[in-house]
Amino acid sequence: MNAITCYLSSNLSRFGERRGSDFFKACCPFHDEKNPSFSVHKVSGSFVCFACGEKGGLAELIVQIEAISLNEAIKKAVYLRGN
């Protein structure tokens, strides 16, 4: 399991999820919605919400969800990738 998939599994399960072979889909953590529009490509580790337009990588996702600085998020992302 790669770092972004691991992070999402432990932090986004409350949003509902669907998994495919190379993607992870859930309701967006950045806005209220009933139908999942938030998609993560497992191989590249990038995410995009097709409803609100948020996109980025693991560090940007951690910044948004945990409300921490980019520097702290990068450190956490590096740690997650190492485990």
N, C-alpha and C. Protein backbone atom coordinates (compact mmCIF):
# COMPACT_ATOMS: atom_id res chain seq x y z
N MET A 1 0.86 -1.18 0.00
CA MET A 1 0.00 0.00 0.00
C MET A 1 0.90 1.24 0.00
N ASN A 2 0.65 2.19 -0.93
CA ASN A 2 1.49 3.38 -0.95
C ASN A 2 1.04 4.40 0.09
N ALA A 3 1.79 5.47 0.26
CA ALA A 3 1.57 6.42 1.34
C ALA A 3 0.21 7.10 1.27
N ILE A 4 -0.19 7.55 0.09
CA ILE A 4 -1.47 8.27 0.00
C ILE A 4 -2.65 7.34 0.27
N THR A 5 -2.57 6.11 -0.19
CA THR A 5 -3.63 5.14 0.06
C THR A 5 -3.72 4.83 1.55
N CYS A 6 -2.57 4.67 2.18
CA CYS A 6 -2.52 4.41 3.62
C CYS A 6 -3.14 5.58 4.39
N TYR A 7 -2.76 6.80 4.04
CA TYR A 7 -3.29 7.99 4.72
C TYR A 7 -4.79 8.08 4.52
N LEU A 8 -5.26 7.87 3.30
CA LEU A 8 -6.68 7.97 3.02
C LEU A 8 -7.47 6.89 3.74
N SER A 9 -6.94 5.70 3.80
CA SER A 9 -7.64 4.61 4.46
C SER A 9 -7.90 4.93 5.93
N SER A 10 -6.96 5.61 6.56
CA SER A 10 -7.13 5.92 7.97
C SER A 10 -7.82 7.25 8.23
N ASN A 11 -7.92 8.13 7.22
CA ASN A 11 -8.47 9.46 7.46
C ASN A 11 -9.74 9.79 6.70
N LEU A 12 -10.04 9.07 5.64
CA LEU A 12 -11.22 9.43 4.85
C LEU A 12 -12.34 8.41 4.89
N SER A 13 -12.21 7.37 5.71
CA SER A 13 -13.23 6.34 5.73
C SER A 13 -14.59 6.91 6.13
N ARG A 14 -14.62 8.00 6.88
CA ARG A 14 -15.88 8.60 7.30
C ARG A 14 -16.63 9.24 6.13
N PHE A 15 -15.96 9.43 4.99
CA PHE A 15 -16.59 10.04 3.83
C PHE A 15 -17.16 8.99 2.87
N GLY A 16 -17.02 7.74 3.20
CA GLY A 16 -17.46 6.67 2.30
C GLY A 16 -16.39 6.49 1.25
N GLU A 17 -16.23 5.31 0.78
CA GLU A 17 -15.15 5.08 -0.17
C GLU A 17 -15.48 3.96 -1.13
N ARG A 18 -14.89 4.05 -2.28
CA ARG A 18 -14.92 2.97 -3.26
C ARG A 18 -13.51 2.84 -3.78
N ARG A 19 -13.08 1.62 -3.93
CA ARG A 19 -11.72 1.38 -4.39
C ARG A 19 -11.74 0.66 -5.72
N GLY A 20 -10.83 1.06 -6.56
CA GLY A 20 -10.60 0.36 -7.81
C GLY A 20 -9.15 -0.12 -7.80
N SER A 21 -8.72 -0.68 -8.90
CA SER A 21 -7.36 -1.21 -8.94
C SER A 21 -6.32 -0.11 -8.83
N ASP A 22 -6.57 1.05 -9.42
CA ASP A 22 -5.57 2.12 -9.37
C ASP A 22 -6.15 3.44 -8.89
N PHE A 23 -7.33 3.42 -8.28
CA PHE A 23 -7.91 4.66 -7.78
C PHE A 23 -8.66 4.42 -6.47
N PHE A 24 -8.89 5.49 -5.78
CA PHE A 24 -9.64 5.51 -4.53
C PHE A 24 -10.65 6.64 -4.70
N LYS A 25 -11.91 6.40 -4.46
CA LYS A 25 -12.94 7.41 -4.67
C LYS A 25 -13.75 7.58 -3.40
N ALA A 26 -14.03 8.82 -3.02
CA ALA A 26 -14.79 9.11 -1.81
C ALA A 26 -15.49 10.45 -1.96
N CYS A 27 -16.38 10.75 -1.02
CA CYS A 27 -16.95 12.09 -0.98
C CYS A 27 -15.84 13.05 -0.57
N CYS A 28 -15.85 14.21 -1.14
CA CYS A 28 -14.77 15.18 -0.92
C CYS A 28 -14.74 15.66 0.53
N PRO A 29 -13.55 15.68 1.13
CA PRO A 29 -13.43 16.17 2.51
C PRO A 29 -13.47 17.70 2.60
N PHE A 30 -13.46 18.39 1.45
CA PHE A 30 -13.40 19.84 1.44
C PHE A 30 -14.75 20.52 1.31
N HIS A 31 -15.80 19.78 0.99
CA HIS A 31 -17.15 20.34 0.89
C HIS A 31 -18.17 19.23 1.08
N ASP A 32 -19.41 19.64 1.37
CA ASP A 32 -20.49 18.66 1.56
C ASP A 32 -20.98 18.16 0.21
N GLU A 33 -21.15 16.86 0.11
CA GLU A 33 -21.71 16.26 -1.10
C GLU A 33 -22.26 14.89 -0.77
N LYS A 34 -23.18 14.43 -1.61
CA LYS A 34 -23.78 13.12 -1.40
C LYS A 34 -23.16 12.07 -2.31
N ASN A 35 -22.71 12.47 -3.47
CA ASN A 35 -22.12 11.55 -4.43
C ASN A 35 -20.61 11.77 -4.50
N PRO A 36 -19.82 10.72 -4.43
CA PRO A 36 -18.37 10.87 -4.45
C PRO A 36 -17.84 11.55 -5.72
N SER A 37 -17.06 12.60 -5.53
CA SER A 37 -16.42 13.28 -6.66
C SER A 37 -14.92 13.43 -6.41
N PHE A 38 -14.45 12.93 -5.28
CA PHE A 38 -13.05 13.04 -4.88
C PHE A 38 -12.35 11.75 -5.31
N SER A 39 -11.31 11.87 -6.11
CA SER A 39 -10.64 10.70 -6.65
C SER A 39 -9.13 10.81 -6.42
N VAL A 40 -8.54 9.70 -6.06
CA VAL A 40 -7.09 9.64 -5.83
C VAL A 40 -6.51 8.57 -6.74
N HIS A 41 -5.49 8.95 -7.48
CA HIS A 41 -4.79 7.99 -8.32
C HIS A 41 -3.69 7.38 -7.46
N LYS A 42 -3.79 6.08 -7.18
CA LYS A 42 -2.87 5.43 -6.24
C LYS A 42 -1.42 5.43 -6.71
N VAL A 43 -1.21 5.27 -8.00
CA VAL A 43 0.16 5.17 -8.49
C VAL A 43 0.88 6.51 -8.41
N SER A 44 0.24 7.57 -8.89
CA SER A 44 0.89 8.88 -8.88
C SER A 44 0.78 9.57 -7.52
N GLY A 45 -0.19 9.14 -6.71
CA GLY A 45 -0.37 9.76 -5.40
C GLY A 45 -1.02 11.13 -5.47
N SER A 46 -1.69 11.42 -6.57
CA SER A 46 -2.35 12.71 -6.71
C SER A 46 -3.85 12.58 -6.49
N PHE A 47 -4.49 13.69 -6.10
CA PHE A 47 -5.93 13.69 -5.89
C PHE A 47 -6.57 14.84 -6.66
N VAL A 48 -7.85 14.69 -6.93
CA VAL A 48 -8.63 15.76 -7.56
C VAL A 48 -10.08 15.61 -7.13
N CYS A 49 -10.73 16.72 -6.88
CA CYS A 49 -12.17 16.73 -6.67
C CYS A 49 -12.77 17.35 -7.92
N PHE A 50 -13.60 16.59 -8.60
CA PHE A 50 -14.19 17.07 -9.84
C PHE A 50 -15.32 18.06 -9.59
N ALA A 51 -15.76 18.21 -8.34
CA ALA A 51 -16.82 19.17 -8.01
C ALA A 51 -16.25 20.54 -7.63
N CYS A 52 -15.30 20.56 -6.69
CA CYS A 52 -14.79 21.86 -6.22
C CYS A 52 -13.46 22.25 -6.85
N GLY A 53 -12.78 21.30 -7.51
CA GLY A 53 -11.54 21.63 -8.22
C GLY A 53 -10.27 21.51 -7.40
N GLU A 54 -10.37 21.14 -6.11
CA GLU A 54 -9.15 20.94 -5.32
C GLU A 54 -8.33 19.82 -5.92
N LYS A 55 -7.02 20.00 -5.97
CA LYS A 55 -6.14 18.95 -6.49
C LYS A 55 -4.76 19.12 -5.91
N GLY A 56 -3.98 18.05 -5.96
CA GLY A 56 -2.62 18.11 -5.45
C GLY A 56 -2.10 16.72 -5.14
N GLY A 57 -1.09 16.70 -4.27
CA GLY A 57 -0.46 15.46 -3.85
C GLY A 57 -0.71 15.21 -2.38
N LEU A 58 0.02 14.27 -1.82
CA LEU A 58 -0.17 13.87 -0.43
C LEU A 58 0.04 15.03 0.53
N ALA A 59 1.09 15.81 0.35
CA ALA A 59 1.37 16.92 1.27
C ALA A 59 0.24 17.95 1.26
N GLU A 60 -0.27 18.28 0.08
CA GLU A 60 -1.37 19.25 -0.02
C GLU A 60 -2.64 18.71 0.64
N LEU A 61 -2.87 17.42 0.51
CA LEU A 61 -4.02 16.79 1.13
C LEU A 61 -3.91 16.86 2.65
N ILE A 62 -2.74 16.58 3.18
CA ILE A 62 -2.52 16.64 4.63
C ILE A 62 -2.71 18.06 5.14
N VAL A 63 -2.20 19.05 4.41
CA VAL A 63 -2.38 20.46 4.79
C VAL A 63 -3.86 20.78 4.93
N GLN A 64 -4.65 20.41 3.94
CA GLN A 64 -6.08 20.72 3.93
C GLN A 64 -6.84 19.99 5.04
N ILE A 65 -6.59 18.72 5.21
CA ILE A 65 -7.36 17.92 6.17
C ILE A 65 -6.96 18.22 7.62
N GLU A 66 -5.66 18.36 7.87
CA GLU A 66 -5.20 18.53 9.25
C GLU A 66 -4.95 19.97 9.65
N ALA A 67 -5.09 20.89 8.69
CA ALA A 67 -4.87 22.33 8.96
C ALA A 67 -3.51 22.58 9.60
N ILE A 68 -2.47 22.03 8.97
CA ILE A 68 -1.10 22.25 9.43
C ILE A 68 -0.32 22.93 8.30
N SER A 69 0.88 23.39 8.60
CA SER A 69 1.68 24.07 7.60
C SER A 69 2.18 23.08 6.54
N LEU A 70 2.54 23.62 5.39
CA LEU A 70 3.05 22.77 4.33
C LEU A 70 4.34 22.08 4.77
N ASN A 71 5.18 22.78 5.52
CA ASN A 71 6.42 22.19 6.01
C ASN A 71 6.14 20.97 6.90
N GLU A 72 5.19 21.11 7.82
CA GLU A 72 4.82 19.98 8.68
C GLU A 72 4.22 18.84 7.86
N ALA A 73 3.41 19.19 6.87
CA ALA A 73 2.77 18.18 6.03
C ALA A 73 3.80 17.41 5.21
N ILE A 74 4.80 18.11 4.72
CA ILE A 74 5.86 17.44 3.95
C ILE A 74 6.61 16.45 4.83
N LYS A 75 6.91 16.85 6.06
CA LYS A 75 7.58 15.94 7.00
C LYS A 75 6.72 14.70 7.25
N LYS A 76 5.42 14.90 7.42
CA LYS A 76 4.53 13.78 7.66
C LYS A 76 4.45 12.89 6.42
N ALA A 77 4.39 13.49 5.24
CA ALA A 77 4.33 12.72 3.99
C ALA A 77 5.59 11.88 3.81
N VAL A 78 6.75 12.47 4.11
CA VAL A 78 8.02 11.74 4.01
C VAL A 78 8.01 10.56 4.98
N TYR A 79 7.53 10.80 6.20
CA TYR A 79 7.43 9.72 7.18
C TYR A 79 6.52 8.60 6.68
N LEU A 80 5.35 8.98 6.15
CA LEU A 80 4.40 7.99 5.65
C LEU A 80 4.98 7.18 4.48
N ARG A 81 5.73 7.83 3.63
CA ARG A 81 6.33 7.13 2.49
C ARG A 81 7.42 6.17 2.94
N GLY A 82 8.03 6.47 4.09
CA GLY A 82 9.09 5.60 4.60
C GLY A 82 8.58 4.35 5.29
N ASN A 83 7.30 4.35 5.68
CA ASN A 83 6.73 3.20 6.41
C ASN A 83 5.96 2.29 5.49
